[in-house]
Structure formats: structure tokens, C-alpha cells
Amino acid sequence: MNLNCWNCKTIITLDTAAVTAAIQKMDDTKLGFFDVACTKCGKKNRTQRGIFAAALAGAKAAESKVAAAPVAVAAAPAPSSAARKAKVIVASLRVREEHNTDCEIVAGLVRDQEVEVFETWTDGKNTWARIGEGTWAAVQWNDQKMLELLS
């Protein structure tokens, strides 16, 4: 699994064991995200559970093809009924601790990445989506659409 650091753009590679460990940590903490530290700059890259689950499913599918025997792949847990999906429609998008640009950047998203949206907030001009605990991304900011709500 490869992640792109939001801060320095370094590609962070995680093997299957690291992905499995991240999923286990999310299970233990009951969180839907895991912070992956960049190996170059040390910044945390908050990554949604679905991305880890998809990477693990892809790795297991690839292993099953090599082994030439069917392997059961566990399905990722279904999102809660309150959650919706959104897709990033800009080249990169900063994820912040709160729904404003004055707070700390905690992660980054890239074009075509999909995230779960648990709630939205607006001040009448800008709209933000909560995509995890302490993680907000702009849906629309300064009249530019950043996220496309899918469902």
C-alpha cells in the first residue's frame, strides 16, 4: 500500500503486516482512521479505515491469484447508516482538526480519493465535512468545490 504524504509528498509504502497492524489498532481504539507517520518529515497522515481495508483486500486477492487457489477475503465493515461517501475532485485537499483554515492540518487527500462523511457544517459560504474524529475537509471553500458528495 502506498500513501502520499500531505506535507512533503513523499510516498510512504506499507507492507501487508503494517496494514494489518493498523486495522487491528483501529479495532482496538474503535476509530475509523489511523495516523501514518511520514518516514521523511514525520508528519501524521490520517488515513481512513476503508483505504486500509481495500489495500488488504487487494493484497489478499493478489496472493490468491499467485497461489492459484481461492482465498476468502473478509469484507470491510459496512459504514454506519449515517455516513455518506464523498470523492475528492481537486488535485489535493488538506484535512484539518476543525472546520476552519486557522486550525492545524492533520492529513491530506488526493484527487479521486473517497472518504466517509459523517456530518457537514456550513457558515453560509463555506461547507465542511467531518470525515473522522477530529478531521474535517472542505466540501466547498471560497466558491470552489473540493469534494463531491456521492451518497
C-alpha atoms as a PDB file:
ATOM      1  CA  MET A   1       0.000   0.000   0.000  1.00  0.00           C
ATOM      2  CA  ASN A   2       1.330   3.437  -0.916  1.00  0.00           C
ATOM      3  CA  LEU A   3       0.308   6.722   0.717  1.00  0.00           C
ATOM      4  CA  ASN A   4       1.325  10.192  -0.409  1.00  0.00           C
ATOM      5  CA  CYS A   5       2.424  12.451   2.485  1.00  0.00           C
ATOM      6  CA  TRP A   6       0.278  15.587   2.505  1.00  0.00           C
ATOM      7  CA  ASN A   7       3.214  17.664   3.743  1.00  0.00           C
ATOM      8  CA  CYS A   8       6.306  16.668   1.752  1.00  0.00           C
ATOM      9  CA  LYS A   9       4.687  14.471  -0.953  1.00  0.00           C
ATOM     10  CA  THR A  10       6.924  11.504  -0.056  1.00  0.00           C
ATOM     11  CA  ILE A  11       5.434   8.137  -0.961  1.00  0.00           C
ATOM     12  CA  ILE A  12       5.011   6.035   2.177  1.00  0.00           C
ATOM     13  CA  THR A  13       4.954   2.289   1.498  1.00  0.00           C
ATOM     14  CA  LEU A  14       3.253  -0.055   3.955  1.00  0.00           C
ATOM     15  CA  ASP A  15       3.526  -3.823   3.676  1.00  0.00           C
ATOM     16  CA  THR A  16       0.666  -6.207   4.434  1.00  0.00           C
ATOM     17  CA  ALA A  17       1.811  -6.646   8.038  1.00  0.00           C
ATOM     18  CA  ALA A  18       1.744  -2.874   8.644  1.00  0.00           C
ATOM     19  CA  VAL A  19      -1.714  -2.577   7.061  1.00  0.00           C
ATOM     20  CA  THR A  20      -2.991  -5.460   9.200  1.00  0.00           C
ATOM     21  CA  ALA A  21      -1.480  -3.862  12.328  1.00  0.00           C
ATOM     22  CA  ALA A  22      -3.157  -0.527  11.504  1.00  0.00           C
ATOM     23  CA  ILE A  23      -6.541  -2.229  11.105  1.00  0.00           C
ATOM     24  CA  GLN A  24      -6.029  -4.036  14.431  1.00  0.00           C
ATOM     25  CA  LYS A  25      -5.173  -0.729  16.131  1.00  0.00           C
ATOM     26  CA  MET A  26      -8.356   0.842  14.702  1.00  0.00           C
ATOM     27  CA  ASP A  27     -10.353  -2.130  16.016  1.00  0.00           C
ATOM     28  CA  ASP A  28      -8.771  -1.710  19.462  1.00  0.00           C
ATOM     29  CA  THR A  29      -9.361   2.046  19.634  1.00  0.00           C
ATOM     30  CA  LYS A  30     -12.785   1.974  17.919  1.00  0.00           C
ATOM     31  CA  LEU A  31     -11.637   4.692  15.490  1.00  0.00           C
ATOM     32  CA  GLY A  32     -12.256   4.776  11.748  1.00  0.00           C
ATOM     33  CA  PHE A  33      -8.822   6.153  10.918  1.00  0.00           C
ATOM     34  CA  PHE A  34      -5.129   5.587  11.592  1.00  0.00           C
ATOM     35  CA  ASP A  35      -2.308   8.152  11.579  1.00  0.00           C
ATOM     36  CA  VAL A  36       0.622   7.025   9.427  1.00  0.00           C
ATOM     37  CA  ALA A  37       3.816   8.956  10.166  1.00  0.00           C
ATOM     38  CA  CYS A  38       5.829  10.054   7.136  1.00  0.00           C
ATOM     39  CA  THR A  39       9.255   8.434   7.036  1.00  0.00           C
ATOM     40  CA  LYS A  40      10.806  11.660   5.722  1.00  0.00           C
ATOM     41  CA  CYS A  41       9.166  14.614   7.523  1.00  0.00           C
ATOM     42  CA  GLY A  42       7.458  12.811  10.424  1.00  0.00           C
ATOM     43  CA  LYS A  43       4.050  14.438   9.848  1.00  0.00           C
ATOM     44  CA  LYS A  44       0.980  12.327  10.532  1.00  0.00           C
ATOM     45  CA  ASN A  45      -1.134  11.291   7.559  1.00  0.00           C
ATOM     46  CA  ARG A  46      -4.640  10.494   8.796  1.00  0.00           C
ATOM     47  CA  THR A  47      -5.949   7.652   6.668  1.00  0.00           C
ATOM     48  CA  GLN A  48      -9.491   6.265   6.682  1.00  0.00           C
ATOM     49  CA  ARG A  49     -10.177   2.624   7.561  1.00  0.00           C
ATOM     50  CA  GLY A  50     -11.681   1.908   4.131  1.00  0.00           C
ATOM     51  CA  ILE A  51      -8.361   2.659   2.433  1.00  0.00           C
ATOM     52  CA  PHE A  52      -6.552   0.136   4.641  1.00  0.00           C
ATOM     53  CA  ALA A  53      -9.316  -2.446   4.151  1.00  0.00           C
ATOM     54  CA  ALA A  54      -9.206  -2.020   0.359  1.00  0.00           C
ATOM     55  CA  ALA A  55      -5.413  -2.370   0.332  1.00  0.00           C
ATOM     56  CA  LEU A  56      -5.600  -5.518   2.459  1.00  0.00           C
ATOM     57  CA  ALA A  57      -8.340  -6.994   0.268  1.00  0.00           C
ATOM     58  CA  GLY A  58      -6.257  -6.219  -2.835  1.00  0.00           C
ATOM     59  CA  ALA A  59      -3.180  -7.852  -1.313  1.00  0.00           C
ATOM     60  CA  LYS A  60      -5.157 -10.953  -0.378  1.00  0.00           C
ATOM     61  CA  ALA A  61      -6.678 -11.116  -3.872  1.00  0.00           C
ATOM     62  CA  ALA A  62      -3.210 -10.877  -5.421  1.00  0.00           C
ATOM     63  CA  GLU A  63      -1.947 -13.645  -3.129  1.00  0.00           C
ATOM     64  CA  SER A  64      -4.860 -15.867  -4.111  1.00  0.00           C
ATOM     65  CA  LYS A  65      -4.029 -15.431  -7.800  1.00  0.00           C
ATOM     66  CA  VAL A  66      -0.409 -16.405  -7.164  1.00  0.00           C
ATOM     67  CA  ALA A  67      -1.458 -19.409  -5.124  1.00  0.00           C
ATOM     68  CA  ALA A  68      -3.985 -20.382  -7.827  1.00  0.00           C
ATOM     69  CA  ALA A  69      -6.420 -21.363  -5.110  1.00  0.00           C
ATOM     70  CA  PRO A  70      -9.497 -19.448  -3.998  1.00  0.00           C
ATOM     71  CA  VAL A  71      -8.956 -17.434  -0.823  1.00  0.00           C
ATOM     72  CA  ALA A  72     -11.800 -15.926   1.176  1.00  0.00           C
ATOM     73  CA  VAL A  73     -11.324 -12.187   1.571  1.00  0.00           C
ATOM     74  CA  ALA A  74     -13.040 -10.639   4.550  1.00  0.00           C
ATOM     75  CA  ALA A  75     -15.274  -7.760   3.594  1.00  0.00           C
ATOM     76  CA  ALA A  76     -14.597  -4.368   5.125  1.00  0.00           C
ATOM     77  CA  PRO A  77     -17.134  -3.372   7.747  1.00  0.00           C
ATOM     78  CA  ALA A  78     -20.077  -1.526   6.284  1.00  0.00           C
ATOM     79  CA  PRO A  79     -20.152   2.181   7.045  1.00  0.00           C
ATOM     80  CA  SER A  80     -22.762   3.305   9.517  1.00  0.00           C
ATOM     81  CA  SER A  81     -26.103   4.244   8.024  1.00  0.00           C
ATOM     82  CA  ALA A  82     -25.452   7.896   8.910  1.00  0.00           C
ATOM     83  CA  ALA A  83     -22.237   8.005   6.875  1.00  0.00           C
ATOM     84  CA  ARG A  84     -22.144   9.120   3.262  1.00  0.00           C
ATOM     85  CA  LYS A  85     -19.340   8.942   0.728  1.00  0.00           C
ATOM     86  CA  ALA A  86     -17.516  11.818  -0.926  1.00  0.00           C
ATOM     87  CA  LYS A  87     -14.866  11.969  -3.646  1.00  0.00           C
ATOM     88  CA  VAL A  88     -12.012  14.492  -3.828  1.00  0.00           C
ATOM     89  CA  ILE A  89     -12.301  16.492  -7.057  1.00  0.00           C
ATOM     90  CA  VAL A  90      -9.237  18.749  -6.673  1.00  0.00           C
ATOM     91  CA  ALA A  91      -5.555  17.774  -7.014  1.00  0.00           C
ATOM     92  CA  SER A  92      -5.002  17.791  -3.243  1.00  0.00           C
ATOM     93  CA  LEU A  93      -7.082  18.695  -0.228  1.00  0.00           C
ATOM     94  CA  ARG A  94      -5.940  19.486   3.296  1.00  0.00           C
ATOM     95  CA  VAL A  95      -7.658  17.778   6.206  1.00  0.00           C
ATOM     96  CA  ARG A  96      -7.889  19.881   9.351  1.00  0.00           C
ATOM     97  CA  GLU A  97      -8.708  19.372  13.035  1.00  0.00           C
ATOM     98  CA  GLU A  98     -11.713  21.704  12.857  1.00  0.00           C
ATOM     99  CA  HIS A  99     -13.920  23.217  10.164  1.00  0.00           C
ATOM    100  CA  ASN A 100     -11.775  26.298   9.526  1.00  0.00           C
ATOM    101  CA  THR A 101      -8.468  27.182   7.870  1.00  0.00           C
ATOM    102  CA  ASP A 102      -6.936  28.578  11.071  1.00  0.00           C
ATOM    103  CA  CYS A 103      -6.533  25.188  12.729  1.00  0.00           C
ATOM    104  CA  GLU A 104      -3.824  22.553  12.288  1.00  0.00           C
ATOM    105  CA  ILE A 105      -3.550  20.426   9.163  1.00  0.00           C
ATOM    106  CA  VAL A 106      -3.640  16.763  10.200  1.00  0.00           C
ATOM    107  CA  ALA A 107      -3.650  14.947   6.863  1.00  0.00           C
ATOM    108  CA  GLY A 108      -4.126  15.304   3.152  1.00  0.00           C
ATOM    109  CA  LEU A 109      -6.286  13.788   0.446  1.00  0.00           C
ATOM    110  CA  VAL A 110      -5.650  13.453  -3.284  1.00  0.00           C
ATOM    111  CA  ARG A 111      -7.849  13.561  -6.396  1.00  0.00           C
ATOM    112  CA  ASP A 112     -10.319  10.658  -6.730  1.00  0.00           C
ATOM    113  CA  GLN A 113      -9.784   9.504  -3.121  1.00  0.00           C
ATOM    114  CA  GLU A 114     -13.075   8.565  -1.471  1.00  0.00           C
ATOM    115  CA  VAL A 115     -13.868   9.229   2.174  1.00  0.00           C
ATOM    116  CA  GLU A 116     -16.796   8.725   4.509  1.00  0.00           C
ATOM    117  CA  VAL A 117     -18.696  11.856   5.527  1.00  0.00           C
ATOM    118  CA  PHE A 118     -20.284  11.684   8.965  1.00  0.00           C
ATOM    119  CA  GLU A 119     -21.685  15.214   9.071  1.00  0.00           C
ATOM    120  CA  THR A 120     -21.452  18.547   7.298  1.00  0.00           C
ATOM    121  CA  TRP A 121     -21.170  22.090   8.614  1.00  0.00           C
ATOM    122  CA  THR A 122     -21.615  25.423   6.869  1.00  0.00           C
ATOM    123  CA  ASP A 123     -21.226  29.074   7.755  1.00  0.00           C
ATOM    124  CA  GLY A 124     -23.402  30.079   4.812  1.00  0.00           C
ATOM    125  CA  LYS A 125     -20.457  30.495   2.449  1.00  0.00           C
ATOM    126  CA  ASN A 126     -18.081  27.583   3.096  1.00  0.00           C
ATOM    127  CA  THR A 127     -19.114  23.968   3.701  1.00  0.00           C
ATOM    128  CA  TRP A 128     -17.037  21.375   5.552  1.00  0.00           C
ATOM    129  CA  ALA A 129     -17.391  17.613   6.007  1.00  0.00           C
ATOM    130  CA  ARG A 130     -16.363  15.688   9.105  1.00  0.00           C
ATOM    131  CA  ILE A 131     -14.558  12.637   7.766  1.00  0.00           C
ATOM    132  CA  GLY A 132     -13.434  11.209  11.111  1.00  0.00           C
ATOM    133  CA  GLU A 133     -12.812  12.148  14.732  1.00  0.00           C
ATOM    134  CA  GLY A 134     -11.045  15.490  14.655  1.00  0.00           C
ATOM    135  CA  THR A 135     -10.803  15.502  10.857  1.00  0.00           C
ATOM    136  CA  TRP A 136     -12.593  17.973   8.592  1.00  0.00           C
ATOM    137  CA  ALA A 137     -12.239  18.587   4.859  1.00  0.00           C
ATOM    138  CA  ALA A 138     -13.723  21.435   2.845  1.00  0.00           C
ATOM    139  CA  VAL A 139     -16.621  20.451   0.584  1.00  0.00           C
ATOM    140  CA  GLN A 140     -16.755  23.981  -0.795  1.00  0.00           C
ATOM    141  CA  TRP A 141     -14.374  26.784   0.145  1.00  0.00           C
ATOM    142  CA  ASN A 142     -14.115  30.291  -1.371  1.00  0.00           C
ATOM    143  CA  ASP A 143     -16.607  29.314  -4.095  1.00  0.00           C
ATOM    144  CA  GLN A 144     -14.505  26.298  -5.163  1.00  0.00           C
ATOM    145  CA  LYS A 145     -15.955  22.813  -4.887  1.00  0.00           C
ATOM    146  CA  MET A 146     -13.411  20.431  -3.319  1.00  0.00           C
ATOM    147  CA  LEU A 147     -15.437  17.317  -2.517  1.00  0.00           C
ATOM    148  CA  GLU A 148     -18.286  15.750  -4.441  1.00  0.00           C
ATOM    149  CA  LEU A 149     -20.852  14.125  -2.173  1.00  0.00           C
ATOM    150  CA  LEU A 150     -21.714  10.728  -3.665  1.00  0.00           C
ATOM    151  CA  SER A 151     -24.438   9.325  -1.452  1.00  0.00           C
END
